[in-house]
Amino acid sequence: MQNPQHAPTAPATMTEASRLLGSDEFTRARDQLLQVVEAASRGVAGVRGPRSDVLAQSYREALRQFQKDRGRDLFFPFMASGIGHGPWVELADGSVKYDMITGIGINFFGHTHPELMRAAIDASAADIYQGNLEPGVEVAELLRALLSRVDSGSRLRNGWITTCGTMANEIALKIIRQKKTPATRVIAFRDCFAGRSTAMQEITDNPKYREGQPLYGETAYIPFYMPKLGLQGSLDLTLCALEDHLQRYPGKFAALMLEIVQGEGGFNSAPREFYTRVFEVAKRAGLAIWADEIQTFGRTGELFAFQKFGLGDWVDVVTAAKMLHASAVLFTEEFNPKPGLVAGTFTGTSASLRVSKRVIELLDQGYYGADGRIERLSARFASNLERISGGSCRGLIGDWRNVGGMIAVQPLSGTLEEVKAVLMRLFDLGVVAFYCGHGPILIRMLPPLGAMNEGHVDEVCALLERAILDVAAARSSKGTGA
């Protein structure tokens, strides 16, 4: 065994970490591990049931114990085994399902993606967790990757890497308030979602998410774009409410916060002119424009939704997370905070930071634009949903919408009870999805388009069609007493 004191010294132009990652020994070991994992993952391809009665029984017991320990049931009887393959995920009973919610938007490139696994293994040359006091090269490289890809017209020049979307939004609010002091209040759109911390749950427009929590009167709401009213009708309603808040509390508001495509609210979006007209009024009143892209990042056909909608020159602060595998807040030089305002122990794991950078690099490879992979597969979803809603499910689908890789469908009358029934039937058939919206409720899919092809889209839509028809038939039968 070699004495560590006499280990080979790296050349003067290399660090020990770079020498390790470039060594034949490390490369062979990493590639062998990847081959073993990839071979195992190929066994997770195609929908199937539990592997055995024994596994199914132990799975039910594990779920029961976990739900008892945490004090409430899971939404689905879902516990992953730890492996998947592309759009499929294996559960701990050996069953396999299409994962169309991907951890609420995290796994855009599917499960056990070889490039992301490679990046995670390379992180073994670094400490497990990195912090803000002693960052590693991964933090610097990720931040540069983000800032170098904003539009030339954008004024975003600085940023901060952190652990999760809520934390990124907390930082965004802090730096805006510091710049706009003594103004502290936020104007947000109805049905928005910002997170579940004490500050973010007040911005989030859902009373159920803040039951028993104090309210500080720091948020005012304005209507979002309403397709039924059209552009001018929506603007009349929204601008009237915005002007009323600004006149009622002059000098009190620091920011206009928005999701360019609302996530939890139902995948709602608006024409570009709606945003710019609202931004004009907000800017005249001295408000910062804060774009929450926690859910839209990388998913709408461009890296940021503000790029897709041509809003880069308006945005002062933007937050990103979910499929980034880390989180970030980017801001203009004007909003660069004073020392001491933003800090914290953790930046993220070295693996998540390396994977984040690789996600950005992979998205560069044919995913953007009208002819990019995201828009092509989004169009495939649209053609399927158009066919289903006008055919076998005529009258059973109230609405459907898609913005890039954000797909939402309203089954039946859109009540929570009915949507849950369809989701549970869909789960039994082999597809994991979730819901969004506040009325009507919609089935929400954030599919792993980085691991899907058109055949996968067709199969998922066929299973969705069957789930809706099955639930409709069961309700019809129950209603007739059959």
Protein backbone atom coordinates (compact mmCIF):
# COMPACT_ATOMS: atom_id res chain seq x y z
CA MET A 1 0.00 0.00 0.00
CA GLN A 2 1.41 3.37 -1.00
CA ASN A 3 2.35 5.74 1.81
CA PRO A 4 0.14 8.85 1.55
CA GLN A 5 3.14 10.99 2.43
CA HIS A 6 4.81 9.85 -0.76
CA ALA A 7 1.79 9.99 -3.11
CA PRO A 8 2.47 11.38 -6.61
CA THR A 9 2.49 15.17 -6.65
CA ALA A 10 0.23 16.96 -9.13
CA PRO A 11 1.96 19.09 -11.77
CA ALA A 12 2.24 22.76 -10.93
CA THR A 13 -0.52 23.51 -13.44
CA MET A 14 -2.99 21.07 -11.80
CA THR A 15 -4.75 20.77 -8.47
CA GLU A 16 -4.89 17.41 -6.76
CA ALA A 17 -8.63 17.32 -7.48
CA SER A 18 -8.19 17.83 -11.22
CA ARG A 19 -5.39 15.25 -11.28
CA LEU A 20 -7.72 12.77 -9.57
CA LEU A 21 -10.61 13.36 -11.97
CA GLY A 22 -8.31 13.07 -14.96
CA SER A 23 -6.50 9.96 -13.80
CA ASP A 24 -6.91 6.63 -15.56
CA GLU A 25 -7.78 4.95 -12.28
CA PHE A 26 -10.67 7.29 -11.51
CA THR A 27 -11.94 7.27 -15.09
CA ARG A 28 -12.00 3.47 -15.24
CA ALA A 29 -13.72 3.17 -11.87
CA ARG A 30 -16.33 5.79 -12.75
CA ASP A 31 -17.06 4.28 -16.16
CA GLN A 32 -17.37 0.80 -14.69
CA LEU A 33 -19.79 2.04 -12.06
CA LEU A 34 -21.85 3.86 -14.70
CA GLN A 35 -22.01 0.71 -16.81
CA VAL A 36 -23.24 -1.35 -13.86
CA VAL A 37 -25.90 1.23 -12.93
CA GLU A 38 -27.02 1.65 -16.54
CA ALA A 39 -27.35 -2.12 -16.97
CA ALA A 40 -29.54 -2.29 -13.86
CA SER A 41 -31.64 0.67 -14.98
CA ARG A 42 -32.49 -1.03 -18.25
CA GLY A 43 -34.60 -3.42 -16.21
CA VAL A 44 -36.84 -0.44 -15.43
CA ALA A 45 -38.45 0.07 -18.82
CA GLY A 46 -42.17 -0.16 -19.38
CA VAL A 47 -45.10 -0.09 -17.00
CA ARG A 48 -45.48 -3.15 -14.77
CA GLY A 49 -46.95 -4.22 -11.45
CA PRO A 50 -45.18 -5.34 -8.27
CA ARG A 51 -42.43 -7.93 -8.72
CA SER A 52 -43.94 -10.35 -6.23
CA ASP A 53 -46.51 -10.73 -3.49
CA VAL A 54 -43.67 -10.71 -0.97
CA LEU A 55 -42.38 -7.35 -2.22
CA ALA A 56 -45.91 -5.97 -2.38
CA GLN A 57 -46.55 -6.93 1.24
CA SER A 58 -43.26 -5.47 2.54
CA TYR A 59 -43.97 -2.34 0.48
CA ARG A 60 -47.36 -1.85 2.10
CA GLU A 61 -45.80 -2.26 5.52
CA ALA A 62 -43.01 0.23 4.73
CA LEU A 63 -45.59 2.77 3.53
CA ARG A 64 -47.71 2.22 6.63
CA GLN A 65 -44.75 2.77 8.94
CA PHE A 66 -43.51 5.84 7.07
CA GLN A 67 -46.93 7.47 7.08
CA LYS A 68 -47.27 6.72 10.78
CA ASP A 69 -43.84 8.21 11.49
CA ARG A 70 -44.51 11.42 9.61
CA GLY A 71 -48.01 11.79 10.96
CA ARG A 72 -50.00 11.90 7.73
CA ASP A 73 -50.65 9.86 4.62
CA LEU A 74 -48.85 10.24 1.33
CA PHE A 75 -50.89 11.56 -1.60
CA PHE A 76 -50.07 8.38 -3.55
CA PRO A 77 -48.88 5.04 -2.18
CA PHE A 78 -45.50 6.00 -3.67
CA MET A 79 -42.03 5.15 -2.41
CA ALA A 80 -39.25 4.99 -4.99
CA SER A 81 -36.73 2.15 -4.95
CA GLY A 82 -33.89 4.50 -5.92
CA ILE A 83 -33.55 3.70 -9.60
CA GLY A 84 -35.38 4.42 -12.84
CA HIS A 85 -34.80 4.53 -16.56
CA GLY A 86 -35.67 7.56 -18.67
CA PRO A 87 -39.35 8.44 -18.14
CA TRP A 88 -39.96 5.39 -15.92
CA VAL A 89 -39.46 5.17 -12.16
CA GLU A 90 -39.33 1.98 -10.10
CA LEU A 91 -41.20 1.81 -6.82
CA ALA A 92 -39.93 -0.14 -3.83
CA ASP A 93 -42.32 -3.03 -4.62
CA GLY A 94 -40.65 -3.46 -8.02
CA SER A 95 -43.52 -1.89 -9.96
CA VAL A 96 -42.71 0.63 -12.70
CA LYS A 97 -44.66 3.73 -13.71
CA TYR A 98 -44.32 6.66 -16.08
CA ASP A 99 -43.17 9.61 -14.00
CA MET A 100 -45.01 12.64 -15.37
CA ILE A 101 -44.54 14.89 -12.34
CA THR A 102 -40.80 14.21 -11.80
CA GLY A 103 -40.60 15.32 -8.19
CA ILE A 104 -42.70 18.38 -9.15
CA GLY A 105 -40.41 19.31 -12.00
CA ILE A 106 -36.96 18.20 -10.86
CA ASN A 107 -36.08 15.26 -13.10
CA PHE A 108 -36.55 16.81 -16.54
CA PHE A 109 -33.94 14.42 -17.96
CA GLY A 110 -35.64 11.42 -16.43
CA HIS A 111 -34.20 8.86 -14.06
CA THR A 112 -30.63 7.53 -13.93
CA HIS A 113 -29.52 9.79 -16.77
CA PRO A 114 -25.90 8.77 -17.55
CA GLU A 115 -24.59 12.32 -17.99
CA LEU A 116 -26.08 13.49 -14.71
CA MET A 117 -24.90 10.36 -12.93
CA ARG A 118 -21.39 11.02 -14.29
CA ALA A 119 -21.49 14.58 -12.92
CA ALA A 120 -22.62 13.30 -9.53
CA ILE A 121 -19.81 10.73 -9.36
CA ASP A 122 -17.24 13.39 -10.29
CA ALA A 123 -18.37 15.29 -7.19
CA SER A 124 -16.70 12.63 -5.05
CA ALA A 125 -13.51 14.69 -5.42
CA ALA A 126 -15.14 17.47 -3.37
CA ASP A 127 -16.66 17.80 0.08
CA ILE A 128 -20.20 16.48 0.31
CA TYR A 129 -21.71 19.87 1.20
CA GLN A 130 -20.45 23.31 0.25
CA GLY A 131 -21.09 26.53 2.11
CA ASN A 132 -21.12 30.23 1.43
CA LEU A 133 -18.01 30.93 3.50
CA GLU A 134 -15.91 28.30 1.71
CA PRO A 135 -17.38 27.70 -1.74
CA GLY A 136 -15.88 25.27 -4.23
CA VAL A 137 -15.24 25.74 -7.91
CA GLU A 138 -18.64 24.16 -8.59
CA VAL A 139 -20.46 27.20 -7.19
CA ALA A 140 -18.49 29.62 -9.35
CA GLU A 141 -18.95 27.52 -12.48
CA LEU A 142 -22.71 27.16 -11.96
CA LEU A 143 -23.22 30.88 -11.42
CA ARG A 144 -21.17 31.71 -14.51
CA ALA A 145 -23.15 29.18 -16.55
CA LEU A 146 -26.39 30.91 -15.58
CA LEU A 147 -25.27 34.51 -16.03
CA SER A 148 -23.60 33.78 -19.37
CA ARG A 149 -26.89 32.53 -20.81
CA VAL A 150 -29.20 35.46 -20.09
CA ASP A 151 -30.23 37.58 -23.06
CA SER A 152 -27.91 40.34 -24.23
CA GLY A 153 -30.74 42.79 -23.49
CA SER A 154 -31.07 41.57 -19.92
CA ARG A 155 -29.59 43.64 -17.09
CA LEU A 156 -28.98 40.63 -14.82
CA ARG A 157 -25.29 40.72 -13.86
CA ASN A 158 -24.96 39.12 -10.42
CA GLY A 159 -26.34 36.14 -8.54
CA TRP A 160 -26.39 33.90 -5.51
CA ILE A 161 -26.57 30.11 -5.39
CA THR A 162 -28.57 28.47 -2.61
CA THR A 163 -30.40 25.30 -1.65
CA CYS A 164 -34.07 25.47 -2.69
CA GLY A 165 -36.69 27.58 -4.42
CA THR A 166 -38.21 29.01 -1.27
CA MET A 167 -34.76 30.08 -0.07
CA ALA A 168 -34.07 31.76 -3.42
CA ASN A 169 -37.35 33.66 -3.14
CA GLU A 170 -36.51 34.69 0.44
CA ILE A 171 -33.22 36.14 -0.81
CA ALA A 172 -35.00 37.91 -3.66
CA LEU A 173 -37.42 39.56 -1.24
CA LYS A 174 -34.64 40.62 1.12
CA ILE A 175 -32.50 42.28 -1.52
CA ILE A 176 -35.50 44.07 -3.02
CA ARG A 177 -36.61 45.39 0.35
CA GLN A 178 -33.09 46.56 1.16
CA LYS A 179 -32.91 48.49 -2.10
CA LYS A 180 -36.45 49.89 -1.83
CA THR A 181 -36.49 50.69 1.90
CA PRO A 182 -38.66 51.98 3.52
CA ALA A 183 -41.06 50.31 1.07
CA THR A 184 -41.65 46.66 2.03
CA ARG A 185 -44.89 45.46 0.49
CA VAL A 186 -45.32 43.18 -2.52
CA ILE A 187 -47.95 43.19 -5.22
CA ALA A 188 -48.60 39.69 -6.57
CA PHE A 189 -51.04 38.08 -8.96
CA ARG A 190 -53.99 36.07 -7.72
CA ASP A 191 -53.42 32.31 -7.62
CA CYS A 192 -49.65 32.77 -7.34
CA PHE A 193 -47.34 30.46 -5.40
CA ALA A 194 -44.05 31.62 -3.85
CA GLY A 195 -43.21 28.96 -1.27
CA ARG A 196 -44.11 27.89 2.25
CA SER A 197 -41.77 29.83 4.54
CA THR A 198 -43.31 32.46 6.82
CA ALA A 199 -42.73 35.25 4.30
CA MET A 200 -43.50 33.22 1.16
CA GLN A 201 -46.73 31.71 2.52
CA GLU A 202 -48.07 35.23 2.89
CA ILE A 203 -47.31 36.01 -0.77
CA THR A 204 -48.73 32.65 -1.90
CA ASP A 205 -52.40 33.14 -2.73
CA ASN A 206 -53.82 30.08 -1.02
CA PRO A 207 -55.33 30.46 2.48
CA LYS A 208 -55.04 26.70 3.13
CA TYR A 209 -51.24 26.99 3.04
CA ARG A 210 -51.16 29.49 5.91
CA GLU A 211 -53.74 28.15 8.33
CA GLY A 212 -52.79 29.17 11.86
CA GLN A 213 -50.04 31.47 10.60
CA PRO A 214 -49.85 35.23 11.23
CA LEU A 215 -50.41 37.69 8.42
CA TYR A 216 -48.49 40.95 8.33
CA GLY A 217 -50.41 42.78 5.59
CA GLU A 218 -47.39 42.85 3.29
CA THR A 219 -49.04 41.47 0.14
CA ALA A 220 -51.73 42.83 -2.15
CA TYR A 221 -53.18 40.90 -5.09
CA ILE A 222 -54.20 41.87 -8.59
CA PRO A 223 -56.05 39.73 -11.18
CA PHE A 224 -54.01 37.67 -13.63
CA TYR A 225 -54.78 37.47 -17.35
CA MET A 226 -58.19 35.97 -18.10
CA PRO A 227 -58.51 34.43 -21.57
CA LYS A 228 -62.30 34.88 -21.55
CA LEU A 229 -61.88 38.65 -21.18
CA GLY A 230 -59.20 38.95 -23.84
CA LEU A 231 -56.17 41.22 -23.68
CA GLN A 232 -57.86 44.59 -23.23
CA GLY A 233 -60.52 43.32 -20.85
CA SER A 234 -57.88 41.67 -18.69
CA LEU A 235 -55.68 44.77 -18.74
CA ASP A 236 -58.58 47.01 -17.74
CA LEU A 237 -59.30 44.83 -14.70
CA THR A 238 -55.66 44.27 -13.70
CA LEU A 239 -54.44 47.84 -14.15
CA CYS A 240 -57.43 49.21 -12.27
CA ALA A 241 -56.59 47.00 -9.28
CA LEU A 242 -52.87 47.83 -9.53
CA GLU A 243 -53.48 51.58 -9.64
CA ASP A 244 -55.89 51.31 -6.72
CA HIS A 245 -53.26 49.62 -4.52
CA LEU A 246 -50.58 52.13 -5.53
CA GLN A 247 -52.80 55.11 -4.82
CA ARG A 248 -54.18 53.72 -1.58
CA TYR A 249 -50.70 53.00 -0.14
CA PRO A 250 -48.26 55.35 -1.92
CA GLY A 251 -44.61 54.56 -1.37
CA LYS A 252 -45.36 51.33 0.49
CA PHE A 253 -44.80 48.80 -2.32
CA ALA A 254 -41.32 47.52 -3.17
CA ALA A 255 -41.98 44.90 -5.86
CA LEU A 256 -44.29 43.29 -8.34
CA MET A 257 -43.79 39.53 -8.02
CA LEU A 258 -45.00 37.21 -10.76
CA GLU A 259 -44.70 33.74 -12.21
CA ILE A 260 -44.64 34.30 -15.97
CA VAL A 261 -46.41 30.95 -16.19
CA GLN A 262 -48.21 30.23 -12.94
CA GLY A 263 -47.35 26.79 -11.60
CA GLU A 264 -49.53 25.82 -8.64
CA GLY A 265 -52.14 28.27 -9.91
CA GLY A 266 -52.92 26.18 -12.98
CA PHE A 267 -50.25 26.79 -15.66
CA ASN A 268 -51.79 30.15 -16.51
CA SER A 269 -49.92 32.51 -18.85
CA ALA A 270 -50.60 35.71 -20.75
CA PRO A 271 -49.64 37.48 -24.00
CA ARG A 272 -46.41 39.49 -23.85
CA GLU A 273 -48.28 42.80 -24.08
CA PHE A 274 -50.19 42.01 -20.90
CA TYR A 275 -46.93 41.75 -18.97
CA THR A 276 -45.30 44.81 -20.50
CA ARG A 277 -48.33 47.07 -19.89
CA VAL A 278 -48.45 45.97 -16.24
CA PHE A 279 -44.68 46.37 -15.91
CA GLU A 280 -44.83 49.92 -17.27
CA VAL A 281 -47.21 50.99 -14.50
CA ALA A 282 -45.21 49.13 -11.84
CA LYS A 283 -41.92 50.67 -12.98
CA ARG A 284 -43.35 54.19 -12.96
CA ALA A 285 -44.32 53.60 -9.34
CA GLY A 286 -40.75 52.50 -8.52
CA LEU A 287 -41.48 48.81 -8.08
CA ALA A 288 -38.90 46.12 -8.80
CA ILE A 289 -39.96 43.41 -11.26
CA TRP A 290 -39.35 40.04 -9.58
CA ALA A 291 -39.86 36.96 -11.78
CA ASP A 292 -40.30 33.69 -9.90
CA GLU A 293 -39.05 31.01 -12.31
CA ILE A 294 -38.79 28.20 -9.79
CA GLN A 295 -41.08 25.99 -11.88
CA THR A 296 -40.62 27.49 -15.36
CA PHE A 297 -36.81 27.40 -15.44
CA GLY A 298 -35.62 25.36 -18.43
CA ARG A 299 -39.10 24.10 -19.24
CA THR A 300 -40.83 26.57 -21.56
CA GLY A 301 -38.63 26.28 -24.65
CA GLU A 302 -35.94 28.69 -23.45
CA LEU A 303 -33.70 28.61 -20.40
CA PHE A 304 -35.89 31.24 -18.72
CA ALA A 305 -39.55 32.00 -19.39
CA PHE A 306 -38.72 35.72 -19.49
CA GLN A 307 -36.63 34.91 -22.57
CA LYS A 308 -39.49 33.04 -24.22
CA PHE A 309 -41.83 35.99 -23.69
CA GLY A 310 -39.21 38.65 -24.57
CA LEU A 311 -39.22 40.29 -21.14
CA GLY A 312 -35.50 40.26 -20.35
CA ASP A 313 -35.08 44.04 -20.34
CA TRP A 314 -37.83 44.42 -17.71
CA VAL A 315 -36.75 41.90 -15.08
CA ASP A 316 -34.76 43.13 -12.07
CA VAL A 317 -34.62 39.91 -10.05
CA VAL A 318 -35.26 36.31 -11.12
CA THR A 319 -35.27 33.09 -9.14
CA ALA A 320 -34.75 29.55 -10.48
CA ALA A 321 -34.77 26.05 -8.99
CA LYS A 322 -36.49 22.63 -9.44
CA MET A 323 -35.00 21.14 -12.62
CA LEU A 324 -31.83 23.12 -11.95
CA HIS A 325 -31.17 20.67 -9.06
CA ALA A 326 -30.03 23.67 -7.00
CA SER A 327 -31.48 27.15 -6.78
CA ALA A 328 -30.35 30.60 -7.75
CA VAL A 329 -31.35 34.24 -7.57
CA LEU A 330 -30.03 36.52 -10.30
CA PHE A 331 -30.25 40.29 -10.11
CA THR A 332 -29.12 43.53 -11.70
CA GLU A 333 -26.19 45.51 -10.32
CA GLU A 334 -28.71 47.91 -8.81
CA PHE A 335 -30.00 45.16 -6.51
CA ASN A 336 -26.64 43.80 -5.40
CA PRO A 337 -27.13 43.54 -1.60
CA LYS A 338 -24.87 45.03 1.03
CA PRO A 339 -22.54 42.60 2.86
CA GLY A 340 -24.24 40.70 5.63
CA LEU A 341 -27.78 40.66 4.25
CA VAL A 342 -27.43 37.36 2.37
CA ALA A 343 -25.43 34.44 3.73
CA GLY A 344 -26.09 31.02 5.26
CA THR A 345 -24.22 27.81 5.99
CA PHE A 346 -25.25 25.73 2.99
CA THR A 347 -24.94 26.41 -0.73
CA GLY A 348 -25.67 22.86 -1.81
CA THR A 349 -24.11 19.45 -2.19
CA SER A 350 -21.16 19.20 -4.55
CA ALA A 351 -23.13 16.59 -6.52
CA SER A 352 -26.18 18.84 -6.96
CA LEU A 353 -23.99 21.75 -8.04
CA ARG A 354 -22.15 19.68 -10.66
CA VAL A 355 -25.43 18.21 -11.88
CA SER A 356 -26.94 21.71 -12.11
CA LYS A 357 -24.21 22.87 -14.47
CA ARG A 358 -24.59 19.73 -16.58
CA VAL A 359 -28.36 20.27 -16.83
CA ILE A 360 -27.72 23.72 -18.30
CA GLU A 361 -25.19 22.31 -20.77
CA LEU A 362 -27.54 19.53 -21.88
CA LEU A 363 -30.36 22.02 -22.49
CA ASP A 364 -28.07 23.81 -24.95
CA GLN A 365 -28.12 20.69 -27.12
CA GLY A 366 -31.24 21.20 -29.23
CA TYR A 367 -33.91 21.91 -26.61
CA TYR A 368 -34.64 25.58 -27.29
CA GLY A 369 -36.64 27.45 -29.89
CA ALA A 370 -39.64 26.70 -32.07
CA ASP A 371 -37.91 23.63 -33.54
CA GLY A 372 -36.36 22.47 -30.28
CA ARG A 373 -37.13 19.23 -28.52
CA ILE A 374 -39.31 20.87 -25.86
CA GLU A 375 -41.67 22.49 -28.37
CA ARG A 376 -41.80 19.37 -30.56
CA LEU A 377 -42.85 17.12 -27.70
CA SER A 378 -45.17 19.80 -26.33
CA ALA A 379 -46.89 19.88 -29.72
CA ARG A 380 -47.23 16.09 -29.56
CA PHE A 381 -49.02 16.39 -26.23
CA ALA A 382 -51.23 19.09 -27.73
CA SER A 383 -52.21 16.98 -30.76
CA ASN A 384 -53.09 14.04 -28.51
CA LEU A 385 -55.14 16.19 -26.14
CA GLU A 386 -56.91 17.87 -29.06
CA ARG A 387 -57.85 14.46 -30.45
CA ILE A 388 -58.97 13.05 -27.10
CA SER A 389 -61.00 16.08 -26.02
CA GLY A 390 -62.78 16.19 -29.37
CA GLY A 391 -63.25 12.42 -29.61
CA SER A 392 -63.68 9.75 -26.95
CA CYS A 393 -63.55 12.33 -24.12
CA ARG A 394 -65.80 14.93 -25.74
CA GLY A 395 -67.56 16.71 -22.89
CA LEU A 396 -65.26 15.06 -20.34
CA ILE A 397 -62.34 17.48 -20.69
CA GLY A 398 -63.25 21.04 -19.79
CA ASP A 399 -59.93 22.62 -20.70
CA TRP A 400 -56.33 21.77 -21.37
CA ARG A 401 -53.24 23.94 -21.78
CA ASN A 402 -49.57 23.52 -22.51
CA VAL A 403 -46.64 25.91 -22.34
CA GLY A 404 -43.55 24.00 -23.39
CA GLY A 405 -43.10 21.18 -20.90
CA MET A 406 -45.93 22.32 -18.63
CA ILE A 407 -49.10 20.31 -19.41
CA ALA A 408 -52.43 20.70 -17.60
CA VAL A 409 -55.79 19.03 -18.26
CA GLN A 410 -59.16 19.61 -16.60
CA PRO A 411 -61.05 16.30 -16.44
CA LEU A 412 -64.82 16.18 -15.93
CA SER A 413 -66.09 19.23 -14.02
CA GLY A 414 -62.72 19.99 -12.42
CA THR A 415 -63.63 19.41 -8.78
CA LEU A 416 -60.87 18.26 -6.45
CA GLU A 417 -62.77 15.03 -5.77
CA GLU A 418 -63.06 14.18 -9.46
CA VAL A 419 -59.48 15.13 -10.28
CA LYS A 420 -58.18 13.01 -7.41
CA ALA A 421 -60.26 10.08 -8.67
CA VAL A 422 -58.73 10.40 -12.14
CA LEU A 423 -55.22 10.76 -10.67
CA MET A 424 -55.64 7.61 -8.58
CA ARG A 425 -56.96 5.67 -11.57
CA LEU A 426 -54.08 6.99 -13.67
CA PHE A 427 -51.64 5.89 -10.95
CA ASP A 428 -53.12 2.38 -11.03
CA LEU A 429 -52.71 2.34 -14.81
CA GLY A 430 -49.04 3.30 -14.50
CA VAL A 431 -48.71 7.10 -14.67
CA VAL A 432 -47.76 9.43 -11.81
CA ALA A 433 -49.13 12.96 -12.20
CA PHE A 434 -50.43 15.60 -9.75
CA TYR A 435 -52.85 18.53 -9.74
CA CYS A 436 -52.83 22.32 -9.85
CA GLY A 437 -55.25 25.23 -10.09
CA HIS A 438 -57.77 26.60 -7.63
CA GLY A 439 -61.01 26.19 -9.50
CA PRO A 440 -61.25 24.40 -11.73
CA ILE A 441 -58.64 21.90 -10.59
CA LEU A 442 -56.46 20.44 -13.33
CA ILE A 443 -54.23 17.41 -13.71
CA ARG A 444 -50.65 18.68 -13.78
CA MET A 445 -47.78 17.10 -15.70
CA LEU A 446 -44.16 18.25 -15.71
CA PRO A 447 -42.92 15.43 -17.94
CA PRO A 448 -39.27 14.40 -18.36
CA LEU A 449 -39.05 15.65 -21.94
CA GLY A 450 -35.28 15.16 -21.85
CA ALA A 451 -35.91 11.40 -21.68
CA MET A 452 -39.09 11.04 -23.77
CA ASN A 453 -39.94 10.44 -27.39
CA GLU A 454 -43.21 10.78 -29.28
CA GLY A 455 -44.13 7.17 -28.56
CA HIS A 456 -43.87 7.80 -24.84
CA VAL A 457 -46.12 10.86 -25.16
CA ASP A 458 -48.71 8.86 -27.09
CA GLU A 459 -48.74 6.08 -24.50
CA VAL A 460 -49.10 8.47 -21.57
CA CYS A 461 -51.97 10.28 -23.29
CA ALA A 462 -53.68 6.97 -24.06
CA LEU A 463 -53.49 6.02 -20.38
CA LEU A 464 -54.84 9.46 -19.40
CA GLU A 465 -57.72 8.96 -21.84
CA ARG A 466 -58.51 5.59 -20.31
CA ALA A 467 -58.37 6.97 -16.76
CA ILE A 468 -60.83 9.76 -17.56
CA LEU A 469 -63.22 7.37 -19.33
CA ASP A 470 -63.04 4.85 -16.48
CA VAL A 471 -63.82 7.45 -13.81
CA ALA A 472 -66.61 8.98 -15.92
CA ALA A 473 -68.14 5.55 -16.46
CA ALA A 474 -67.92 4.67 -12.76
CA ARG A 475 -69.60 7.94 -11.76
CA SER A 476 -72.28 7.52 -14.39
CA SER A 477 -72.97 4.00 -13.20
CA LYS A 478 -73.15 5.16 -9.59
CA GLY A 479 -75.46 8.01 -10.55
CA THR A 480 -77.91 5.66 -12.28
CA GLY A 481 -77.80 3.17 -9.42
CA ALA A 482 -76.50 0.39 -11.67
